[in-house]
């Protein structure tokens, strides 16, 4: 699976990059039919101040799978988005039928 990580209007972080790649590779091992993952990290605004946003879009057979999460820290946002993505991929795998 190809992994593309982008930091939108903010400096890059090697630790966050490595963390996200490691988690996505685990998903790729679990779901071998994944083609590509695009990850976007953004700084957003909410009522309490700054929010860290992580958006993940995965190319797979059928429609693309998208997950987005916001959290106080980028690691938390990535963890929430990956958890949501895993839930969606689990449902997608259940709909596959053997021919």
PDB file of N, CA and C in Angstrom:
ATOM      1  N   UNK A   1       0.845  -1.169   0.000  1.00  0.00           N
ATOM      2  CA  UNK A   1       0.000   0.000   0.000  1.00  0.00           C
ATOM      3  C   UNK A   1       0.895   1.238   0.000  1.00  0.00           C
ATOM      4  N   UNK A   2       0.548   2.194  -0.845  1.00  0.00           N
ATOM      5  CA  UNK A   2       1.251   3.469  -0.891  1.00  0.00           C
ATOM      6  C   UNK A   2       0.680   4.387   0.184  1.00  0.00           C
ATOM      7  N   UNK A   3       1.556   5.104   0.890  1.00  0.00           N
ATOM      8  CA  UNK A   3       1.128   6.008   1.946  1.00  0.00           C
ATOM      9  C   UNK A   3       1.655   7.401   1.640  1.00  0.00           C
ATOM     10  N   UNK A   4       0.752   8.371   1.585  1.00  0.00           N
ATOM     11  CA  UNK A   4       1.100   9.762   1.341  1.00  0.00           C
ATOM     12  C   UNK A   4       0.630  10.583   2.540  1.00  0.00           C
ATOM     13  N   UNK A   5       1.574  11.238   3.225  1.00  0.00           N
ATOM     14  CA  UNK A   5       1.245  12.042   4.400  1.00  0.00           C
ATOM     15  C   UNK A   5       1.587  13.491   4.109  1.00  0.00           C
ATOM     16  N   UNK A   6       0.609  14.383   4.326  1.00  0.00           N
ATOM     17  CA  UNK A   6       0.811  15.808   4.073  1.00  0.00           C
ATOM     18  C   UNK A   6       0.458  16.610   5.317  1.00  0.00           C
ATOM     19  N   UNK A   7       1.272  17.621   5.581  1.00  0.00           N
ATOM     20  CA  UNK A   7       1.017  18.551   6.665  1.00  0.00           C
ATOM     21  C   UNK A   7       0.596  19.871   6.018  1.00  0.00           C
ATOM     22  N   UNK A   8      -0.654  20.267   6.219  1.00  0.00           N
ATOM     23  CA  UNK A   8      -1.217  21.429   5.546  1.00  0.00           C
ATOM     24  C   UNK A   8      -0.949  22.682   6.381  1.00  0.00           C
ATOM     25  N   UNK A   9      -0.159  23.609   5.799  1.00  0.00           N
ATOM     26  CA  UNK A   9       0.159  24.896   6.416  1.00  0.00           C
ATOM     27  C   UNK A   9       0.716  24.756   7.826  1.00  0.00           C
ATOM     28  N   UNK A  10       1.605  23.785   8.010  1.00  0.00           N
ATOM     29  CA  UNK A  10       2.259  23.586   9.295  1.00  0.00           C
ATOM     30  C   UNK A  10       3.559  22.828   9.077  1.00  0.00           C
ATOM     31  N   UNK A  11       4.497  22.893  10.017  1.00  0.00           N
ATOM     32  CA  UNK A  11       5.763  22.169   9.845  1.00  0.00           C
ATOM     33  C   UNK A  11       5.562  20.658   9.959  1.00  0.00           C
ATOM     34  N   UNK A  12       6.418  19.914   9.272  1.00  0.00           N
ATOM     35  CA  UNK A  12       6.319  18.454   9.308  1.00  0.00           C
ATOM     36  C   UNK A  12       6.872  17.920  10.619  1.00  0.00           C
ATOM     37  N   UNK A  13       6.434  16.731  10.977  1.00  0.00           N
ATOM     38  CA  UNK A  13       6.875  16.075  12.203  1.00  0.00           C
ATOM     39  C   UNK A  13       7.255  14.637  11.864  1.00  0.00           C
ATOM     40  N   UNK A  14       8.523  14.299  12.076  1.00  0.00           N
ATOM     41  CA  UNK A  14       8.991  12.950  11.767  1.00  0.00           C
ATOM     42  C   UNK A  14       8.357  11.906  12.680  1.00  0.00           C
ATOM     43  N   UNK A  15       8.181  12.225  13.966  1.00  0.00           N
ATOM     44  CA  UNK A  15       7.597  11.253  14.886  1.00  0.00           C
ATOM     45  C   UNK A  15       6.138  10.968  14.535  1.00  0.00           C
ATOM     46  N   UNK A  16       5.391  12.009  14.196  1.00  0.00           N
ATOM     47  CA  UNK A  16       3.991  11.828  13.800  1.00  0.00           C
ATOM     48  C   UNK A  16       3.907  11.068  12.484  1.00  0.00           C
ATOM     49  N   UNK A  17       4.823  11.363  11.578  1.00  0.00           N
ATOM     50  CA  UNK A  17       4.899  10.681  10.295  1.00  0.00           C
ATOM     51  C   UNK A  17       5.156   9.183  10.506  1.00  0.00           C
ATOM     52  N   UNK A  18       6.134   8.853  11.349  1.00  0.00           N
ATOM     53  CA  UNK A  18       6.469   7.452  11.625  1.00  0.00           C
ATOM     54  C   UNK A  18       5.324   6.724  12.319  1.00  0.00           C
ATOM     55  N   UNK A  19       4.698   7.391  13.292  1.00  0.00           N
ATOM     56  CA  UNK A  19       3.574   6.794  14.019  1.00  0.00           C
ATOM     57  C   UNK A  19       2.434   6.435  13.071  1.00  0.00           C
ATOM     58  N   UNK A  20       2.094   7.371  12.203  1.00  0.00           N
ATOM     59  CA  UNK A  20       0.982   7.160  11.270  1.00  0.00           C
ATOM     60  C   UNK A  20       1.309   6.061  10.266  1.00  0.00           C
ATOM     61  N   UNK A  21       2.535   6.071   9.740  1.00  0.00           N
ATOM     62  CA  UNK A  21       2.930   5.021   8.791  1.00  0.00           C
ATOM     63  C   UNK A  21       2.884   3.648   9.438  1.00  0.00           C
ATOM     64  N   UNK A  22       3.353   3.556  10.681  1.00  0.00           N
ATOM     65  CA  UNK A  22       3.354   2.277  11.388  1.00  0.00           C
ATOM     66  C   UNK A  22       1.929   1.744  11.549  1.00  0.00           C
ATOM     67  N   UNK A  23       1.004   2.602  11.954  1.00  0.00           N
ATOM     68  CA  UNK A  23      -0.388   2.177  12.144  1.00  0.00           C
ATOM     69  C   UNK A  23      -1.055   1.809  10.822  1.00  0.00           C
ATOM     70  N   UNK A  24      -0.764   2.568   9.759  1.00  0.00           N
ATOM     71  CA  UNK A  24      -1.352   2.252   8.454  1.00  0.00           C
ATOM     72  C   UNK A  24      -0.795   0.947   7.885  1.00  0.00           C
ATOM     73  N   UNK A  25       0.465   0.657   8.156  1.00  0.00           N
ATOM     74  CA  UNK A  25       1.044  -0.610   7.690  1.00  0.00           C
ATOM     75  C   UNK A  25       0.385  -1.788   8.393  1.00  0.00           C
ATOM     76  N   UNK A  26       0.014  -1.615   9.663  1.00  0.00           N
ATOM     77  CA  UNK A  26      -0.711  -2.677  10.370  1.00  0.00           C
ATOM     78  C   UNK A  26      -2.074  -2.913   9.718  1.00  0.00           C
ATOM     79  N   UNK A  27      -2.745  -1.816   9.326  1.00  0.00           N
ATOM     80  CA  UNK A  27      -4.024  -1.962   8.624  1.00  0.00           C
ATOM     81  C   UNK A  27      -3.830  -2.661   7.285  1.00  0.00           C
ATOM     82  N   UNK A  28      -2.731  -2.326   6.585  1.00  0.00           N
ATOM     83  CA  UNK A  28      -2.459  -2.936   5.286  1.00  0.00           C
ATOM     84  C   UNK A  28      -2.192  -4.430   5.426  1.00  0.00           C
ATOM     85  N   UNK A  29      -1.591  -4.843   6.542  1.00  0.00           N
ATOM     86  CA  UNK A  29      -1.372  -6.275   6.768  1.00  0.00           C
ATOM     87  C   UNK A  29      -2.698  -6.983   7.039  1.00  0.00           C
ATOM     88  N   UNK A  30      -3.576  -6.304   7.748  1.00  0.00           N
ATOM     89  CA  UNK A  30      -4.874  -6.885   8.090  1.00  0.00           C
ATOM     90  C   UNK A  30      -5.802  -6.946   6.875  1.00  0.00           C
ATOM     91  N   UNK A  31      -5.776  -5.887   6.060  1.00  0.00           N
ATOM     92  CA  UNK A  31      -6.610  -5.805   4.857  1.00  0.00           C
ATOM     93  C   UNK A  31      -5.685  -5.660   3.656  1.00  0.00           C
ATOM     94  N   UNK A  32      -5.289  -6.768   3.079  1.00  0.00           N
ATOM     95  CA  UNK A  32      -4.280  -6.766   2.011  1.00  0.00           C
ATOM     96  C   UNK A  32      -4.777  -6.155   0.708  1.00  0.00           C
ATOM     97  N   UNK A  33      -6.051  -5.876   0.585  1.00  0.00           N
ATOM     98  CA  UNK A  33      -6.611  -5.328  -0.647  1.00  0.00           C
ATOM     99  C   UNK A  33      -6.598  -3.801  -0.685  1.00  0.00           C
ATOM    100  N   UNK A  34      -6.013  -3.157   0.313  1.00  0.00           N
ATOM    101  CA  UNK A  34      -5.902  -1.698   0.303  1.00  0.00           C
ATOM    102  C   UNK A  34      -4.866  -1.268  -0.727  1.00  0.00           C
ATOM    103  N   UNK A  35      -5.146  -0.172  -1.439  1.00  0.00           N
ATOM    104  CA  UNK A  35      -4.281   0.281  -2.515  1.00  0.00           C
ATOM    105  C   UNK A  35      -3.415   1.464  -2.091  1.00  0.00           C
ATOM    106  N   UNK A  36      -4.047   2.489  -1.528  1.00  0.00           N
ATOM    107  CA  UNK A  36      -3.329   3.724  -1.226  1.00  0.00           C
ATOM    108  C   UNK A  36      -4.004   4.442  -0.062  1.00  0.00           C
ATOM    109  N   UNK A  37      -3.195   5.146   0.738  1.00  0.00           N
ATOM    110  CA  UNK A  37      -3.728   5.949   1.837  1.00  0.00           C
ATOM    111  C   UNK A  37      -3.175   7.363   1.747  1.00  0.00           C
ATOM    112  N   UNK A  38      -4.063   8.339   1.862  1.00  0.00           N
ATOM    113  CA  UNK A  38      -3.672   9.747   1.880  1.00  0.00           C
ATOM    114  C   UNK A  38      -4.067  10.325   3.232  1.00  0.00           C
ATOM    115  N   UNK A  39      -3.080  10.885   3.939  1.00  0.00           N
ATOM    116  CA  UNK A  39      -3.295  11.421   5.280  1.00  0.00           C
ATOM    117  C   UNK A  39      -3.009  12.912   5.260  1.00  0.00           C
ATOM    118  N   UNK A  40      -3.909  13.692   5.852  1.00  0.00           N
ATOM    119  CA  UNK A  40      -3.746  15.137   5.926  1.00  0.00           C
ATOM    120  C   UNK A  40      -3.828  15.565   7.387  1.00  0.00           C
ATOM    121  N   UNK A  41      -2.813  16.288   7.854  1.00  0.00           N
ATOM    122  CA  UNK A  41      -2.824  16.872   9.191  1.00  0.00           C
ATOM    123  C   UNK A  41      -3.009  18.375   9.042  1.00  0.00           C
ATOM    124  N   UNK A  42      -3.971  18.931   9.797  1.00  0.00           N
ATOM    125  CA  UNK A  42      -4.299  20.350   9.690  1.00  0.00           C
ATOM    126  C   UNK A  42      -4.497  20.944  11.080  1.00  0.00           C
ATOM    127  N   UNK A  43      -4.252  22.243  11.186  1.00  0.00           N
ATOM    128  CA  UNK A  43      -4.615  22.992  12.380  1.00  0.00           C
ATOM    129  C   UNK A  43      -5.977  23.602  12.113  1.00  0.00           C
ATOM    130  N   UNK A  44      -6.924  23.387  13.002  1.00  0.00           N
ATOM    131  CA  UNK A  44      -8.258  23.937  12.824  1.00  0.00           C
ATOM    132  C   UNK A  44      -8.618  24.845  13.977  1.00  0.00           C
ATOM    133  N   UNK A  45      -9.737  25.467  13.877  1.00  0.00           N
ATOM    134  CA  UNK A  45     -10.242  26.335  14.943  1.00  0.00           C
ATOM    135  C   UNK A  45     -11.541  25.752  15.476  1.00  0.00           C
ATOM    136  N   UNK A  46     -11.674  25.749  16.777  1.00  0.00           N
ATOM    137  CA  UNK A  46     -12.952  25.394  17.380  1.00  0.00           C
ATOM    138  C   UNK A  46     -13.252  26.408  18.483  1.00  0.00           C
ATOM    139  N   UNK A  47     -14.320  26.225  19.208  1.00  0.00           N
ATOM    140  CA  UNK A  47     -14.755  27.209  20.202  1.00  0.00           C
ATOM    141  C   UNK A  47     -13.771  27.342  21.358  1.00  0.00           C
ATOM    142  N   UNK A  48     -13.039  26.283  21.677  1.00  0.00           N
ATOM    143  CA  UNK A  48     -12.117  26.312  22.813  1.00  0.00           C
ATOM    144  C   UNK A  48     -10.719  26.761  22.424  1.00  0.00           C
ATOM    145  N   UNK A  49     -10.445  26.951  21.151  1.00  0.00           N
ATOM    146  CA  UNK A  49      -9.112  27.355  20.711  1.00  0.00           C
ATOM    147  C   UNK A  49      -8.695  26.544  19.507  1.00  0.00           C
ATOM    148  N   UNK A  50      -7.443  26.176  19.456  1.00  0.00           N
ATOM    149  CA  UNK A  50      -6.933  25.402  18.323  1.00  0.00           C
ATOM    150  C   UNK A  50      -7.281  23.929  18.463  1.00  0.00           C
ATOM    151  N   UNK A  51      -7.545  23.291  17.349  1.00  0.00           N
ATOM    152  CA  UNK A  51      -7.826  21.863  17.306  1.00  0.00           C
ATOM    153  C   UNK A  51      -6.919  21.225  16.266  1.00  0.00           C
ATOM    154  N   UNK A  52      -6.477  20.031  16.544  1.00  0.00           N
ATOM    155  CA  UNK A  52      -5.650  19.280  15.614  1.00  0.00           C
ATOM    156  C   UNK A  52      -6.541  18.325  14.843  1.00  0.00           C
ATOM    157  N   UNK A  53      -6.466  18.379  13.522  1.00  0.00           N
ATOM    158  CA  UNK A  53      -7.356  17.589  12.671  1.00  0.00           C
ATOM    159  C   UNK A  53      -6.532  16.597  11.860  1.00  0.00           C
ATOM    160  N   UNK A  54      -7.010  15.365  11.797  1.00  0.00           N
ATOM    161  CA  UNK A  54      -6.401  14.323  10.973  1.00  0.00           C
ATOM    162  C   UNK A  54      -7.480  13.770  10.048  1.00  0.00           C
ATOM    163  N   UNK A  55      -7.195  13.779   8.743  1.00  0.00           N
ATOM    164  CA  UNK A  55      -8.108  13.215   7.753  1.00  0.00           C
ATOM    165  C   UNK A  55      -7.379  12.116   7.005  1.00  0.00           C
ATOM    166  N   UNK A  56      -8.019  10.966   6.877  1.00  0.00           N
ATOM    167  CA  UNK A  56      -7.419   9.822   6.177  1.00  0.00           C
ATOM    168  C   UNK A  56      -8.387   9.342   5.110  1.00  0.00           C
ATOM    169  N   UNK A  57      -7.877   9.190   3.890  1.00  0.00           N
ATOM    170  CA  UNK A  57      -8.676   8.672   2.777  1.00  0.00           C
ATOM    171  C   UNK A  57      -7.945   7.455   2.221  1.00  0.00           C
ATOM    172  N   UNK A  58      -8.652   6.337   2.136  1.00  0.00           N
ATOM    173  CA  UNK A  58      -8.056   5.082   1.690  1.00  0.00           C
ATOM    174  C   UNK A  58      -8.709   4.632   0.392  1.00  0.00           C
ATOM    175  N   UNK A  59      -7.890   4.293  -0.585  1.00  0.00           N
ATOM    176  CA  UNK A  59      -8.384   3.724  -1.837  1.00  0.00           C
ATOM    177  C   UNK A  59      -8.426   2.211  -1.688  1.00  0.00           C
ATOM    178  N   UNK A  60      -9.575   1.673  -2.004  1.00  0.00           N
ATOM    179  CA  UNK A  60      -9.797   0.233  -1.919  1.00  0.00           C
ATOM    180  C   UNK A  60     -10.781  -0.128  -3.026  1.00  0.00           C
ATOM    181  N   UNK A  61     -10.986  -1.418  -3.268  1.00  0.00           N
ATOM    182  CA  UNK A  61     -12.007  -1.791  -4.252  1.00  0.00           C
ATOM    183  C   UNK A  61     -13.365  -1.229  -3.839  1.00  0.00           C
ATOM    184  N   UNK A  62     -14.035  -0.590  -4.773  1.00  0.00           N
ATOM    185  CA  UNK A  62     -15.299   0.067  -4.456  1.00  0.00           C
ATOM    186  C   UNK A  62     -15.051   1.521  -4.123  1.00  0.00           C
ATOM    187  N   UNK A  63     -16.007   2.158  -3.454  1.00  0.00           N
ATOM    188  CA  UNK A  63     -15.842   3.572  -3.105  1.00  0.00           C
ATOM    189  C   UNK A  63     -14.708   3.779  -2.101  1.00  0.00           C
ATOM    190  N   UNK A  64     -14.139   4.979  -2.123  1.00  0.00           N
ATOM    191  CA  UNK A  64     -13.070   5.295  -1.182  1.00  0.00           C
ATOM    192  C   UNK A  64     -13.625   5.366   0.236  1.00  0.00           C
ATOM    193  N   UNK A  65     -12.758   5.067   1.190  1.00  0.00           N
ATOM    194  CA  UNK A  65     -13.129   5.106   2.598  1.00  0.00           C
ATOM    195  C   UNK A  65     -12.472   6.343   3.211  1.00  0.00           C
ATOM    196  N   UNK A  66     -13.247   7.149   3.938  1.00  0.00           N
ATOM    197  CA  UNK A  66     -12.752   8.408   4.498  1.00  0.00           C
ATOM    198  C   UNK A  66     -13.053   8.471   5.984  1.00  0.00           C
ATOM    199  N   UNK A  67     -12.072   8.950   6.754  1.00  0.00           N
ATOM    200  CA  UNK A  67     -12.268   9.164   8.184  1.00  0.00           C
ATOM    201  C   UNK A  67     -11.595  10.468   8.578  1.00  0.00           C
ATOM    202  N   UNK A  68     -12.249  11.212   9.446  1.00  0.00           N
ATOM    203  CA  UNK A  68     -11.711  12.478   9.925  1.00  0.00           C
ATOM    204  C   UNK A  68     -11.949  12.565  11.425  1.00  0.00           C
ATOM    205  N   UNK A  69     -10.965  13.137  12.142  1.00  0.00           N
ATOM    206  CA  UNK A  69     -11.105  13.291  13.588  1.00  0.00           C
ATOM    207  C   UNK A  69     -10.358  14.536  14.035  1.00  0.00           C
ATOM    208  N   UNK A  70     -10.878  15.160  15.079  1.00  0.00           N
ATOM    209  CA  UNK A  70     -10.178  16.300  15.671  1.00  0.00           C
ATOM    210  C   UNK A  70      -9.959  16.003  17.149  1.00  0.00           C
ATOM    211  N   UNK A  71      -8.852  16.482  17.659  1.00  0.00           N
ATOM    212  CA  UNK A  71      -8.454  16.200  19.030  1.00  0.00           C
ATOM    213  C   UNK A  71      -7.536  17.316  19.484  1.00  0.00           C
ATOM    214  N   UNK A  72      -7.221  17.338  20.754  1.00  0.00           N
ATOM    215  CA  UNK A  72      -6.315  18.349  21.285  1.00  0.00           C
ATOM    216  C   UNK A  72      -4.905  18.183  20.719  1.00  0.00           C
ATOM    217  N   UNK A  73      -4.494  16.918  20.505  1.00  0.00           N
ATOM    218  CA  UNK A  73      -3.160  16.601  19.979  1.00  0.00           C
ATOM    219  C   UNK A  73      -3.306  15.808  18.685  1.00  0.00           C
ATOM    220  N   UNK A  74      -2.304  15.912  17.812  1.00  0.00           N
ATOM    221  CA  UNK A  74      -2.361  15.215  16.529  1.00  0.00           C
ATOM    222  C   UNK A  74      -2.340  13.697  16.704  1.00  0.00           C
ATOM    223  N   UNK A  75      -1.605  13.195  17.693  1.00  0.00           N
ATOM    224  CA  UNK A  75      -1.562  11.749  17.905  1.00  0.00           C
ATOM    225  C   UNK A  75      -2.949  11.210  18.254  1.00  0.00           C
ATOM    226  N   UNK A  76      -3.682  11.938  19.083  1.00  0.00           N
ATOM    227  CA  UNK A  76      -5.038  11.531  19.446  1.00  0.00           C
ATOM    228  C   UNK A  76      -5.976  11.575  18.251  1.00  0.00           C
ATOM    229  N   UNK A  77      -5.819  12.613  17.424  1.00  0.00           N
ATOM    230  CA  UNK A  77      -6.654  12.720  16.229  1.00  0.00           C
ATOM    231  C   UNK A  77      -6.362  11.576  15.263  1.00  0.00           C
ATOM    232  N   UNK A  78      -5.080  11.240  15.098  1.00  0.00           N
ATOM    233  CA  UNK A  78      -4.705  10.137  14.213  1.00  0.00           C
ATOM    234  C   UNK A  78      -5.250   8.819  14.747  1.00  0.00           C
ATOM    235  N   UNK A  79      -5.168   8.628  16.055  1.00  0.00           N
ATOM    236  CA  UNK A  79      -5.662   7.387  16.665  1.00  0.00           C
ATOM    237  C   UNK A  79      -7.167   7.234  16.462  1.00  0.00           C
ATOM    238  N   UNK A  80      -7.924   8.327  16.657  1.00  0.00           N
ATOM    239  CA  UNK A  80      -9.375   8.281  16.458  1.00  0.00           C
ATOM    240  C   UNK A  80      -9.723   8.014  14.996  1.00  0.00           C
ATOM    241  N   UNK A  81      -9.029   8.684  14.075  1.00  0.00           N
ATOM    242  CA  UNK A  81      -9.315   8.498  12.648  1.00  0.00           C
ATOM    243  C   UNK A  81      -8.981   7.067  12.217  1.00  0.00           C
ATOM    244  N   UNK A  82      -7.879   6.520  12.708  1.00  0.00           N
ATOM    245  CA  UNK A  82      -7.498   5.148  12.361  1.00  0.00           C
ATOM    246  C   UNK A  82      -8.492   4.143  12.934  1.00  0.00           C
ATOM    247  N   UNK A  83      -8.993   4.410  14.128  1.00  0.00           N
ATOM    248  CA  UNK A  83      -9.997   3.529  14.724  1.00  0.00           C
ATOM    249  C   UNK A  83     -11.281   3.532  13.896  1.00  0.00           C
ATOM    250  N   UNK A  84     -11.709   4.714  13.474  1.00  0.00           N
ATOM    251  CA  UNK A  84     -12.908   4.827  12.636  1.00  0.00           C
ATOM    252  C   UNK A  84     -12.691   4.138  11.291  1.00  0.00           C
ATOM    253  N   UNK A  85     -11.510   4.309  10.735  1.00  0.00           N
ATOM    254  CA  UNK A  85     -11.162   3.676   9.460  1.00  0.00           C
ATOM    255  C   UNK A  85     -11.190   2.152   9.590  1.00  0.00           C
ATOM    256  N   UNK A  86     -10.652   1.637  10.672  1.00  0.00           N
ATOM    257  CA  UNK A  86     -10.646   0.192  10.909  1.00  0.00           C
ATOM    258  C   UNK A  86     -12.069  -0.346  10.989  1.00  0.00           C
ATOM    259  N   UNK A  87     -12.949   0.385  11.658  1.00  0.00           N
ATOM    260  CA  UNK A  87     -14.354  -0.019  11.771  1.00  0.00           C
ATOM    261  C   UNK A  87     -15.017  -0.071  10.401  1.00  0.00           C
ATOM    262  N   UNK A  88     -14.763   0.947   9.564  1.00  0.00           N
ATOM    263  CA  UNK A  88     -15.344   0.986   8.226  1.00  0.00           C
ATOM    264  C   UNK A  88     -14.803  -0.139   7.341  1.00  0.00           C
ATOM    265  N   UNK A  89     -13.499  -0.394   7.438  1.00  0.00           N
ATOM    266  CA  UNK A  89     -12.894  -1.459   6.623  1.00  0.00           C
ATOM    267  C   UNK A  89     -13.394  -2.833   7.055  1.00  0.00           C
ATOM    268  N   UNK A  90     -13.655  -2.992   8.336  1.00  0.00           N
ATOM    269  CA  UNK A  90     -14.195  -4.257   8.834  1.00  0.00           C
ATOM    270  C   UNK A  90     -15.578  -4.510   8.229  1.00  0.00           C
ATOM    271  N   UNK A  91     -16.411  -3.456   8.156  1.00  0.00           N
ATOM    272  CA  UNK A  91     -17.732  -3.576   7.526  1.00  0.00           C
ATOM    273  C   UNK A  91     -17.600  -3.878   6.037  1.00  0.00           C
ATOM    274  N   UNK A  92     -16.652  -3.216   5.382  1.00  0.00           N
ATOM    275  CA  UNK A  92     -16.450  -3.431   3.942  1.00  0.00           C
ATOM    276  C   UNK A  92     -16.035  -4.878   3.678  1.00  0.00           C
ATOM    277  N   UNK A  93     -15.136  -5.402   4.517  1.00  0.00           N
ATOM    278  CA  UNK A  93     -14.665  -6.779   4.332  1.00  0.00           C
ATOM    279  C   UNK A  93     -15.814  -7.777   4.526  1.00  0.00           C
ATOM    280  N   UNK A  94     -16.725  -7.465   5.435  1.00  0.00           N
ATOM    281  CA  UNK A  94     -17.864  -8.351   5.677  1.00  0.00           C
ATOM    282  C   UNK A  94     -18.795  -8.421   4.478  1.00  0.00           C
ATOM    283  N   UNK A  95     -18.807  -7.370   3.637  1.00  0.00           N
ATOM    284  CA  UNK A  95     -19.703  -7.370   2.478  1.00  0.00           C
ATOM    285  C   UNK A  95     -19.090  -8.114   1.273  1.00  0.00           C
ATOM    286  N   UNK A  96     -17.779  -8.378   1.325  1.00  0.00           N
ATOM    287  CA  UNK A  96     -17.168  -9.119   0.219  1.00  0.00           C
ATOM    288  C   UNK A  96     -17.725 -10.542   0.187  1.00  0.00           C
ATOM    289  N   UNK A  97     -17.947 -11.041  -1.017  1.00  0.00           N
ATOM    290  CA  UNK A  97     -18.398 -12.406  -1.161  1.00  0.00           C
ATOM    291  C   UNK A  97     -17.402 -13.188  -2.001  1.00  0.00           C
ATOM    292  N   UNK A  98     -17.228 -14.432  -1.676  1.00  0.00           N
ATOM    293  CA  UNK A  98     -16.294 -15.282  -2.436  1.00  0.00           C
ATOM    294  C   UNK A  98     -17.000 -15.808  -3.678  1.00  0.00           C
ATOM    295  N   UNK A  99     -16.346 -15.689  -4.833  1.00  0.00           N
ATOM    296  CA  UNK A  99     -16.931 -16.190  -6.079  1.00  0.00           C
ATOM    297  C   UNK A  99     -16.128 -17.357  -6.573  1.00  0.00           C
TER     298      UNK A  99
END
